Amino acid sequence: MATETETLKKDIDALRSSIDKLTKDMSAMSESFAQDMKARAANKVGDLREEVSHIAGRIGAKGKQSSEAVEESVREKPLQSILLALGAGLMLAQLMRGR
């Protein structure tokens, strides 16, 4: 009976050791996975920032082109531009009074 008890104790110790090793391995795998996901997310954020920057640059260029087109139109037809601005102002004033 003493031999069976000793064998059982050894088996329990071996099981504890295996569980400890498994816990450490799982912890290391989880940490590795988390670091990998963090690196992937950082790369994705970098890609998105670059894309947003590119789009913002294109929007800025389009805005500048539109502004230049309006300026050119005003230079070519100043009287028409003044009348158009006056008309828009009058319409806006009427809309504001209606509130």
PDB file of N, CA and C in Angstrom:
ATOM      1  N   MET A   1       0.820  -1.193   0.000  1.00  0.00           N
ATOM      2  CA  MET A   1       0.000   0.000   0.000  1.00  0.00           C
ATOM      3  C   MET A   1       0.865   1.259   0.000  1.00  0.00           C
ATOM      4  N   ALA A   2       1.976   1.188   0.728  1.00  0.00           N
ATOM      5  CA  ALA A   2       2.886   2.329   0.778  1.00  0.00           C
ATOM      6  C   ALA A   2       3.464   2.613  -0.596  1.00  0.00           C
ATOM      7  N   THR A   3       3.713   1.581  -1.368  1.00  0.00           N
ATOM      8  CA  THR A   3       4.257   1.754  -2.709  1.00  0.00           C
ATOM      9  C   THR A   3       3.228   2.420  -3.619  1.00  0.00           C
ATOM     10  N   GLU A   4       1.994   2.025  -3.494  1.00  0.00           N
ATOM     11  CA  GLU A   4       0.937   2.644  -4.290  1.00  0.00           C
ATOM     12  C   GLU A   4       0.775   4.115  -3.927  1.00  0.00           C
ATOM     13  N   THR A   5       0.892   4.433  -2.630  1.00  0.00           N
ATOM     14  CA  THR A   5       0.782   5.817  -2.181  1.00  0.00           C
ATOM     15  C   THR A   5       1.942   6.640  -2.731  1.00  0.00           C
ATOM     16  N   GLU A   6       3.135   6.066  -2.699  1.00  0.00           N
ATOM     17  CA  GLU A   6       4.307   6.763  -3.238  1.00  0.00           C
ATOM     18  C   GLU A   6       4.152   6.985  -4.751  1.00  0.00           C
ATOM     19  N   THR A   7       3.681   5.971  -5.437  1.00  0.00           N
ATOM     20  CA  THR A   7       3.467   6.076  -6.878  1.00  0.00           C
ATOM     21  C   THR A   7       2.427   7.154  -7.180  1.00  0.00           C
ATOM     22  N   LEU A   8       1.359   7.151  -6.400  1.00  0.00           N
ATOM     23  CA  LEU A   8       0.304   8.151  -6.570  1.00  0.00           C
ATOM     24  C   LEU A   8       0.838   9.559  -6.316  1.00  0.00           C
ATOM     25  N   LYS A   9       1.665   9.734  -5.272  1.00  0.00           N
ATOM     26  CA  LYS A   9       2.260  11.036  -4.977  1.00  0.00           C
ATOM     27  C   LYS A   9       3.160  11.490  -6.132  1.00  0.00           C
ATOM     28  N   LYS A  10       3.950  10.562  -6.665  1.00  0.00           N
ATOM     29  CA  LYS A  10       4.826  10.890  -7.796  1.00  0.00           C
ATOM     30  C   LYS A  10       4.001  11.297  -9.017  1.00  0.00           C
ATOM     31  N   ASP A  11       2.925  10.557  -9.255  1.00  0.00           N
ATOM     32  CA  ASP A  11       2.050  10.883 -10.391  1.00  0.00           C
ATOM     33  C   ASP A  11       1.416  12.271 -10.207  1.00  0.00           C
ATOM     34  N   ILE A  12       0.990  12.565  -8.981  1.00  0.00           N
ATOM     35  CA  ILE A  12       0.382  13.867  -8.692  1.00  0.00           C
ATOM     36  C   ILE A  12       1.422  14.973  -8.877  1.00  0.00           C
ATOM     37  N   ASP A  13       2.652  14.747  -8.406  1.00  0.00           N
ATOM     38  CA  ASP A  13       3.723  15.725  -8.582  1.00  0.00           C
ATOM     39  C   ASP A  13       4.028  15.940 -10.072  1.00  0.00           C
ATOM     40  N   ALA A  14       4.049  14.836 -10.818  1.00  0.00           N
ATOM     41  CA  ALA A  14       4.297  14.928 -12.258  1.00  0.00           C
ATOM     42  C   ALA A  14       3.162  15.698 -12.938  1.00  0.00           C
ATOM     43  N   LEU A  15       1.937  15.438 -12.502  1.00  0.00           N
ATOM     44  CA  LEU A  15       0.782  16.147 -13.059  1.00  0.00           C
ATOM     45  C   LEU A  15       0.862  17.636 -12.745  1.00  0.00           C
ATOM     46  N   ARG A  16       1.224  17.978 -11.516  1.00  0.00           N
ATOM     47  CA  ARG A  16       1.382  19.385 -11.135  1.00  0.00           C
ATOM     48  C   ARG A  16       2.453  20.055 -11.996  1.00  0.00           C
ATOM     49  N   SER A  17       3.555  19.344 -12.176  1.00  0.00           N
ATOM     50  CA  SER A  17       4.651  19.882 -12.991  1.00  0.00           C
ATOM     51  C   SER A  17       4.180  20.106 -14.438  1.00  0.00           C
ATOM     52  N   SER A  18       3.441  19.154 -14.944  1.00  0.00           N
ATOM     53  CA  SER A  18       2.914  19.287 -16.317  1.00  0.00           C
ATOM     54  C   SER A  18       1.944  20.463 -16.425  1.00  0.00           C
ATOM     55  N   ILE A  19       1.095  20.621 -15.419  1.00  0.00           N
ATOM     56  CA  ILE A  19       0.134  21.729 -15.407  1.00  0.00           C
ATOM     57  C   ILE A  19       0.871  23.063 -15.330  1.00  0.00           C
ATOM     58  N   ASP A  20       1.908  23.139 -14.489  1.00  0.00           N
ATOM     59  CA  ASP A  20       2.702  24.364 -14.390  1.00  0.00           C
ATOM     60  C   ASP A  20       3.357  24.689 -15.732  1.00  0.00           C
ATOM     61  N   LYS A  21       3.946  23.680 -16.371  1.00  0.00           N
ATOM     62  CA  LYS A  21       4.585  23.897 -17.677  1.00  0.00           C
ATOM     63  C   LYS A  21       3.554  24.332 -18.704  1.00  0.00           C
ATOM     64  N   LEU A  22       2.405  23.676 -18.712  1.00  0.00           N
ATOM     65  CA  LEU A  22       1.342  24.033 -19.646  1.00  0.00           C
ATOM     66  C   LEU A  22       0.875  25.466 -19.414  1.00  0.00           C
ATOM     67  N   THR A  23       0.732  25.867 -18.173  1.00  0.00           N
ATOM     68  CA  THR A  23       0.315  27.234 -17.843  1.00  0.00           C
ATOM     69  C   THR A  23       1.336  28.247 -18.350  1.00  0.00           C
ATOM     70  N   LYS A  24       2.616  27.962 -18.129  1.00  0.00           N
ATOM     71  CA  LYS A  24       3.674  28.865 -18.599  1.00  0.00           C
ATOM     72  C   LYS A  24       3.693  28.942 -20.128  1.00  0.00           C
ATOM     73  N   ASP A  25       3.554  27.783 -20.772  1.00  0.00           N
ATOM     74  CA  ASP A  25       3.542  27.761 -22.243  1.00  0.00           C
ATOM     75  C   ASP A  25       2.354  28.548 -22.798  1.00  0.00           C
ATOM     76  N   MET A  26       1.186  28.364 -22.189  1.00  0.00           N
ATOM     77  CA  MET A  26      -0.012  29.090 -22.635  1.00  0.00           C
ATOM     78  C   MET A  26       0.168  30.588 -22.432  1.00  0.00           C
ATOM     79  N   SER A  27       0.773  30.968 -21.310  1.00  0.00           N
ATOM     80  CA  SER A  27       1.021  32.376 -21.043  1.00  0.00           C
ATOM     81  C   SER A  27       1.964  32.963 -22.088  1.00  0.00           C
ATOM     82  N   ALA A  28       3.027  32.238 -22.421  1.00  0.00           N
ATOM     83  CA  ALA A  28       3.984  32.701 -23.429  1.00  0.00           C
ATOM     84  C   ALA A  28       3.319  32.810 -24.800  1.00  0.00           C
ATOM     85  N   MET A  29       2.486  31.838 -25.132  1.00  0.00           N
ATOM     86  CA  MET A  29       1.781  31.879 -26.417  1.00  0.00           C
ATOM     87  C   MET A  29       0.818  33.058 -26.469  1.00  0.00           C
ATOM     88  N   SER A  30       0.120  33.301 -25.377  1.00  0.00           N
ATOM     89  CA  SER A  30      -0.821  34.422 -25.326  1.00  0.00           C
ATOM     90  C   SER A  30      -0.086  35.745 -25.488  1.00  0.00           C
ATOM     91  N   GLU A  31       1.049  35.863 -24.813  1.00  0.00           N
ATOM     92  CA  GLU A  31       1.839  37.096 -24.913  1.00  0.00           C
ATOM     93  C   GLU A  31       2.364  37.292 -26.329  1.00  0.00           C
ATOM     94  N   SER A  32       2.831  36.231 -26.937  1.00  0.00           N
ATOM     95  CA  SER A  32       3.326  36.295 -28.309  1.00  0.00           C
ATOM     96  C   SER A  32       2.203  36.690 -29.270  1.00  0.00           C
ATOM     97  N   PHE A  33       1.037  36.091 -29.073  1.00  0.00           N
ATOM     98  CA  PHE A  33      -0.117  36.412 -29.916  1.00  0.00           C
ATOM     99  C   PHE A  33      -0.510  37.882 -29.751  1.00  0.00           C
ATOM    100  N   ALA A  34      -0.521  38.354 -28.499  1.00  0.00           N
ATOM    101  CA  ALA A  34      -0.890  39.749 -28.236  1.00  0.00           C
ATOM    102  C   ALA A  34       0.103  40.700 -28.889  1.00  0.00           C
ATOM    103  N   GLN A  35       1.391  40.378 -28.816  1.00  0.00           N
ATOM    104  CA  GLN A  35       2.404  41.237 -29.437  1.00  0.00           C
ATOM    105  C   GLN A  35       2.254  41.241 -30.956  1.00  0.00           C
ATOM    106  N   ASP A  36       1.945  40.090 -31.518  1.00  0.00           N
ATOM    107  CA  ASP A  36       1.734  40.000 -32.968  1.00  0.00           C
ATOM    108  C   ASP A  36       0.534  40.838 -33.391  1.00  0.00           C
ATOM    109  N   MET A  37      -0.551  40.738 -32.646  1.00  0.00           N
ATOM    110  CA  MET A  37      -1.750  41.521 -32.968  1.00  0.00           C
ATOM    111  C   MET A  37      -1.484  43.024 -32.816  1.00  0.00           C
ATOM    112  N   LYS A  38      -0.709  43.381 -31.802  1.00  0.00           N
ATOM    113  CA  LYS A  38      -0.363  44.788 -31.589  1.00  0.00           C
ATOM    114  C   LYS A  38       0.465  45.311 -32.760  1.00  0.00           C
ATOM    115  N   ALA A  39       1.416  44.522 -33.226  1.00  0.00           N
ATOM    116  CA  ALA A  39       2.252  44.923 -34.366  1.00  0.00           C
ATOM    117  C   ALA A  39       1.406  45.066 -35.626  1.00  0.00           C
ATOM    118  N   ARG A  40       0.494  44.125 -35.837  1.00  0.00           N
ATOM    119  CA  ARG A  40      -0.383  44.204 -37.018  1.00  0.00           C
ATOM    120  C   ARG A  40      -1.270  45.445 -36.954  1.00  0.00           C
ATOM    121  N   ALA A  41      -1.802  45.733 -35.769  1.00  0.00           N
ATOM    122  CA  ALA A  41      -2.655  46.910 -35.608  1.00  0.00           C
ATOM    123  C   ALA A  41      -1.858  48.185 -35.859  1.00  0.00           C
ATOM    124  N   ALA A  42      -0.623  48.227 -35.357  1.00  0.00           N
ATOM    125  CA  ALA A  42       0.220  49.405 -35.572  1.00  0.00           C
ATOM    126  C   ALA A  42       0.502  49.600 -37.060  1.00  0.00           C
ATOM    127  N   ASN A  43       0.746  48.522 -37.772  1.00  0.00           N
ATOM    128  CA  ASN A  43       0.973  48.618 -39.222  1.00  0.00           C
ATOM    129  C   ASN A  43      -0.273  49.130 -39.936  1.00  0.00           C
ATOM    130  N   LYS A  44      -1.420  48.623 -39.523  1.00  0.00           N
ATOM    131  CA  LYS A  44      -2.683  49.030 -40.149  1.00  0.00           C
ATOM    132  C   LYS A  44      -2.936  50.515 -39.889  1.00  0.00           C
ATOM    133  N   VAL A  45      -2.669  50.961 -38.658  1.00  0.00           N
ATOM    134  CA  VAL A  45      -2.848  52.380 -38.319  1.00  0.00           C
ATOM    135  C   VAL A  45      -1.926  53.237 -39.180  1.00  0.00           C
ATOM    136  N   GLY A  46      -0.700  52.787 -39.357  1.00  0.00           N
ATOM    137  CA  GLY A  46       0.244  53.522 -40.202  1.00  0.00           C
ATOM    138  C   GLY A  46      -0.254  53.621 -41.634  1.00  0.00           C
ATOM    139  N   ASP A  47      -0.773  52.517 -42.149  1.00  0.00           N
ATOM    140  CA  ASP A  47      -1.316  52.522 -43.518  1.00  0.00           C
ATOM    141  C   ASP A  47      -2.498  53.479 -43.630  1.00  0.00           C
ATOM    142  N   LEU A  48      -3.380  53.447 -42.632  1.00  0.00           N
ATOM    143  CA  LEU A  48      -4.555  54.324 -42.656  1.00  0.00           C
ATOM    144  C   LEU A  48      -4.156  55.794 -42.563  1.00  0.00           C
ATOM    145  N   ARG A  49      -3.159  56.100 -41.725  1.00  0.00           N
ATOM    146  CA  ARG A  49      -2.687  57.485 -41.623  1.00  0.00           C
ATOM    147  C   ARG A  49      -2.147  57.971 -42.956  1.00  0.00           C
ATOM    148  N   GLU A  50      -1.391  57.114 -43.616  1.00  0.00           N
ATOM    149  CA  GLU A  50      -0.829  57.482 -44.919  1.00  0.00           C
ATOM    150  C   GLU A  50      -1.947  57.738 -45.933  1.00  0.00           C
ATOM    151  N   GLU A  51      -2.946  56.879 -45.926  1.00  0.00           N
ATOM    152  CA  GLU A  51      -4.064  57.034 -46.855  1.00  0.00           C
ATOM    153  C   GLU A  51      -4.844  58.315 -46.568  1.00  0.00           C
ATOM    154  N   VAL A  52      -5.103  58.598 -45.287  1.00  0.00           N
ATOM    155  CA  VAL A  52      -5.821  59.818 -44.909  1.00  0.00           C
ATOM    156  C   VAL A  52      -5.019  61.050 -45.323  1.00  0.00           C
ATOM    157  N   SER A  53      -3.722  60.998 -45.115  1.00  0.00           N
ATOM    158  CA  SER A  53      -2.859  62.118 -45.498  1.00  0.00           C
ATOM    159  C   SER A  53      -2.922  62.354 -47.007  1.00  0.00           C
ATOM    160  N   HIS A  54      -2.904  61.275 -47.756  1.00  0.00           N
ATOM    161  CA  HIS A  54      -2.986  61.380 -49.225  1.00  0.00           C
ATOM    162  C   HIS A  54      -4.330  61.987 -49.647  1.00  0.00           C
ATOM    163  N   ILE A  55      -5.400  61.518 -49.044  1.00  0.00           N
ATOM    164  CA  ILE A  55      -6.735  62.031 -49.375  1.00  0.00           C
ATOM    165  C   ILE A  55      -6.854  63.504 -48.988  1.00  0.00           C
ATOM    166  N   ALA A  56      -6.321  63.865 -47.822  1.00  0.00           N
ATOM    167  CA  ALA A  56      -6.367  65.264 -47.382  1.00  0.00           C
ATOM    168  C   ALA A  56      -5.598  66.154 -48.352  1.00  0.00           C
ATOM    169  N   GLY A  57      -4.487  65.659 -48.845  1.00  0.00           N
ATOM    170  CA  GLY A  57      -3.719  66.412 -49.833  1.00  0.00           C
ATOM    171  C   GLY A  57      -4.508  66.631 -51.116  1.00  0.00           C
ATOM    172  N   ARG A  58      -5.202  65.594 -51.550  1.00  0.00           N
ATOM    173  CA  ARG A  58      -6.019  65.724 -52.769  1.00  0.00           C
ATOM    174  C   ARG A  58      -7.172  66.694 -52.547  1.00  0.00           C
ATOM    175  N   ILE A  59      -7.793  66.635 -51.374  1.00  0.00           N
ATOM    176  CA  ILE A  59      -8.902  67.547 -51.072  1.00  0.00           C
ATOM    177  C   ILE A  59      -8.393  68.981 -51.040  1.00  0.00           C
ATOM    178  N   GLY A  60      -7.231  69.191 -50.432  1.00  0.00           N
ATOM    179  CA  GLY A  60      -6.642  70.534 -50.388  1.00  0.00           C
ATOM    180  C   GLY A  60      -6.348  71.061 -51.780  1.00  0.00           C
ATOM    181  N   ALA A  61      -5.838  70.202 -52.640  1.00  0.00           N
ATOM    182  CA  ALA A  61      -5.540  70.611 -54.014  1.00  0.00           C
ATOM    183  C   ALA A  61      -6.823  70.974 -54.760  1.00  0.00           C
ATOM    184  N   LYS A  62      -7.869  70.160 -54.561  1.00  0.00           N
ATOM    185  CA  LYS A  62      -9.155  70.455 -55.221  1.00  0.00           C
ATOM    186  C   LYS A  62      -9.729  71.777 -54.714  1.00  0.00           C
ATOM    187  N   GLY A  63      -9.619  72.010 -53.401  1.00  0.00           N
ATOM    188  CA  GLY A  63     -10.108  73.267 -52.828  1.00  0.00           C
ATOM    189  C   GLY A  63      -9.365  74.460 -53.401  1.00  0.00           C
ATOM    190  N   LYS A  64      -8.067  74.312 -53.561  1.00  0.00           N
ATOM    191  CA  LYS A  64      -7.259  75.403 -54.129  1.00  0.00           C
ATOM    192  C   LYS A  64      -7.654  75.656 -55.580  1.00  0.00           C
ATOM    193  N   GLN A  65      -7.870  74.573 -56.325  1.00  0.00           N
ATOM    194  CA  GLN A  65      -8.293  74.723 -57.722  1.00  0.00           C
ATOM    195  C   GLN A  65      -9.641  75.440 -57.802  1.00  0.00           C
ATOM    196  N   SER A  66     -10.568  75.058 -56.927  1.00  0.00           N
ATOM    197  CA  SER A  66     -11.890  75.686 -56.932  1.00  0.00           C
ATOM    198  C   SER A  66     -11.783  77.160 -56.582  1.00  0.00           C
ATOM    199  N   SER A  67     -10.962  77.477 -55.603  1.00  0.00           N
ATOM    200  CA  SER A  67     -10.770  78.864 -55.200  1.00  0.00           C
ATOM    201  C   SER A  67     -10.172  79.682 -56.341  1.00  0.00           C
ATOM    202  N   GLU A  68      -9.203  79.107 -57.020  1.00  0.00           N
ATOM    203  CA  GLU A  68      -8.590  79.796 -58.157  1.00  0.00           C
ATOM    204  C   GLU A  68      -9.599  79.992 -59.287  1.00  0.00           C
ATOM    205  N   ALA A  69     -10.473  79.013 -59.506  1.00  0.00           N
ATOM    206  CA  ALA A  69     -11.482  79.124 -60.555  1.00  0.00           C
ATOM    207  C   ALA A  69     -12.465  80.245 -60.230  1.00  0.00           C
ATOM    208  N   VAL A  70     -12.860  80.365 -58.961  1.00  0.00           N
ATOM    209  CA  VAL A  70     -13.773  81.438 -58.559  1.00  0.00           C
ATOM    210  C   VAL A  70     -13.097  82.793 -58.742  1.00  0.00           C
ATOM    211  N   GLU A  71     -11.833  82.892 -58.317  1.00  0.00           N
ATOM    212  CA  GLU A  71     -11.107  84.153 -58.476  1.00  0.00           C
ATOM    213  C   GLU A  71     -11.006  84.548 -59.940  1.00  0.00           C
ATOM    214  N   GLU A  72     -10.729  83.584 -60.790  1.00  0.00           N
ATOM    215  CA  GLU A  72     -10.615  83.867 -62.227  1.00  0.00           C
ATOM    216  C   GLU A  72     -11.957  84.325 -62.788  1.00  0.00           C
ATOM    217  N   SER A  73     -13.018  83.665 -62.352  1.00  0.00           N
ATOM    218  CA  SER A  73     -14.352  84.042 -62.820  1.00  0.00           C
ATOM    219  C   SER A  73     -14.697  85.470 -62.380  1.00  0.00           C
ATOM    220  N   VAL A  74     -14.338  85.825 -61.145  1.00  0.00           N
ATOM    221  CA  VAL A  74     -14.604  87.183 -60.650  1.00  0.00           C
ATOM    222  C   VAL A  74     -13.795  88.199 -61.441  1.00  0.00           C
ATOM    223  N   ARG A  75     -12.543  87.879 -61.765  1.00  0.00           N
ATOM    224  CA  ARG A  75     -11.718  88.802 -62.563  1.00  0.00           C
ATOM    225  C   ARG A  75     -12.287  88.993 -63.966  1.00  0.00           C
ATOM    226  N   GLU A  76     -12.784  87.909 -64.558  1.00  0.00           N
ATOM    227  CA  GLU A  76     -13.306  87.981 -65.920  1.00  0.00           C
ATOM    228  C   GLU A  76     -14.644  88.721 -65.974  1.00  0.00           C
ATOM    229  N   LYS A  77     -15.479  88.536 -64.952  1.00  0.00           N
ATOM    230  CA  LYS A  77     -16.819  89.128 -64.964  1.00  0.00           C
ATOM    231  C   LYS A  77     -17.103  89.771 -63.605  1.00  0.00           C
ATOM    232  N   PRO A  78     -16.462  90.896 -63.315  1.00  0.00           N
ATOM    233  CA  PRO A  78     -16.624  91.496 -61.987  1.00  0.00           C
ATOM    234  C   PRO A  78     -18.046  91.986 -61.713  1.00  0.00           C
ATOM    235  N   LEU A  79     -18.700  92.617 -62.681  1.00  0.00           N
ATOM    236  CA  LEU A  79     -20.041  93.139 -62.462  1.00  0.00           C
ATOM    237  C   LEU A  79     -21.030  92.001 -62.212  1.00  0.00           C
ATOM    238  N   GLN A  80     -20.934  90.976 -63.009  1.00  0.00           N
ATOM    239  CA  GLN A  80     -21.823  89.822 -62.838  1.00  0.00           C
ATOM    240  C   GLN A  80     -21.588  89.177 -61.466  1.00  0.00           C
ATOM    241  N   SER A  81     -20.338  89.106 -61.030  1.00  0.00           N
ATOM    242  CA  SER A  81     -20.004  88.524 -59.733  1.00  0.00           C
ATOM    243  C   SER A  81     -20.591  89.344 -58.590  1.00  0.00           C
ATOM    244  N   ILE A  82     -20.506  90.677 -58.713  1.00  0.00           N
ATOM    245  CA  ILE A  82     -21.057  91.559 -57.680  1.00  0.00           C
ATOM    246  C   ILE A  82     -22.570  91.391 -57.608  1.00  0.00           C
ATOM    247  N   LEU A  83     -23.222  91.356 -58.761  1.00  0.00           N
ATOM    248  CA  LEU A  83     -24.682  91.182 -58.783  1.00  0.00           C
ATOM    249  C   LEU A  83     -25.098  89.828 -58.221  1.00  0.00           C
ATOM    250  N   LEU A  84     -24.335  88.815 -58.529  1.00  0.00           N
ATOM    251  CA  LEU A  84     -24.625  87.488 -58.010  1.00  0.00           C
ATOM    252  C   LEU A  84     -24.468  87.464 -56.483  1.00  0.00           C
ATOM    253  N   ALA A  85     -23.406  88.077 -55.976  1.00  0.00           N
ATOM    254  CA  ALA A  85     -23.187  88.133 -54.529  1.00  0.00           C
ATOM    255  C   ALA A  85     -24.290  88.942 -53.850  1.00  0.00           C
ATOM    256  N   LEU A  86     -24.707  90.030 -54.465  1.00  0.00           N
ATOM    257  CA  LEU A  86     -25.775  90.866 -53.925  1.00  0.00           C
ATOM    258  C   LEU A  86     -27.084  90.072 -53.866  1.00  0.00           C
ATOM    259  N   GLY A  87     -27.387  89.355 -54.945  1.00  0.00           N
ATOM    260  CA  GLY A  87     -28.599  88.538 -54.989  1.00  0.00           C
ATOM    261  C   GLY A  87     -28.576  87.447 -53.932  1.00  0.00           C
ATOM    262  N   ALA A  88     -27.438  86.798 -53.777  1.00  0.00           N
ATOM    263  CA  ALA A  88     -27.322  85.749 -52.770  1.00  0.00           C
ATOM    264  C   ALA A  88     -27.491  86.346 -51.373  1.00  0.00           C
ATOM    265  N   GLY A  89     -26.929  87.526 -51.142  1.00  0.00           N
ATOM    266  CA  GLY A  89     -27.073  88.190 -49.844  1.00  0.00           C
ATOM    267  C   GLY A  89     -28.513  88.544 -49.544  1.00  0.00           C
ATOM    268  N   LEU A  90     -29.230  89.054 -50.561  1.00  0.00           N
ATOM    269  CA  LEU A  90     -30.642  89.404 -50.377  1.00  0.00           C
ATOM    270  C   LEU A  90     -31.484  88.157 -50.070  1.00  0.00           C
ATOM    271  N   MET A  91     -31.204  87.079 -50.782  1.00  0.00           N
ATOM    272  CA  MET A  91     -31.948  85.834 -50.527  1.00  0.00           C
ATOM    273  C   MET A  91     -31.675  85.321 -49.115  1.00  0.00           C
ATOM    274  N   LEU A  92     -30.433  85.395 -48.697  1.00  0.00           N
ATOM    275  CA  LEU A  92     -30.071  84.952 -47.358  1.00  0.00           C
ATOM    276  C   LEU A  92     -30.756  85.815 -46.298  1.00  0.00           C
ATOM    277  N   ALA A  93     -30.800  87.115 -46.562  1.00  0.00           N
ATOM    278  CA  ALA A  93     -31.477  88.037 -45.615  1.00  0.00           C
ATOM    279  C   ALA A  93     -32.959  87.697 -45.510  1.00  0.00           C
ATOM    280  N   GLN A  94     -33.600  87.388 -46.635  1.00  0.00           N
ATOM    281  CA  GLN A  94     -35.023  87.029 -46.618  1.00  0.00           C
ATOM    282  C   GLN A  94     -35.235  85.731 -45.840  1.00  0.00           C
ATOM    283  N   LEU A  95     -34.355  84.772 -46.024  1.00  0.00           N
ATOM    284  CA  LEU A  95     -34.462  83.509 -45.303  1.00  0.00           C
ATOM    285  C   LEU A  95     -34.288  83.716 -43.805  1.00  0.00           C
ATOM    286  N   MET A  96     -33.380  84.600 -43.432  1.00  0.00           N
ATOM    287  CA  MET A  96     -33.125  84.867 -42.010  1.00  0.00           C
ATOM    288  C   MET A  96     -34.298  85.588 -41.369  1.00  0.00           C
ATOM    289  N   ARG A  97     -34.956  86.462 -42.099  1.00  0.00           N
ATOM    290  CA  ARG A  97     -36.119  87.186 -41.557  1.00  0.00           C
ATOM    291  C   ARG A  97     -37.293  86.245 -41.355  1.00  0.00           C
ATOM    292  N   GLY A  98     -37.426  85.263 -42.203  1.00  0.00           N
ATOM    293  CA  GLY A  98     -38.541  84.335 -42.140  1.00  0.00           C
ATOM    294  C   GLY A  98     -38.510  83.458 -40.900  1.00  0.00           C
ATOM    295  N   ARG A  99     -37.438  83.385 -40.219  1.00  0.00           N
ATOM    296  CA  ARG A  99     -37.309  82.516 -39.026  1.00  0.00           C
ATOM    297  C   ARG A  99     -37.922  83.163 -37.875  1.00  0.00           C
TER     298      ARG A  99
END
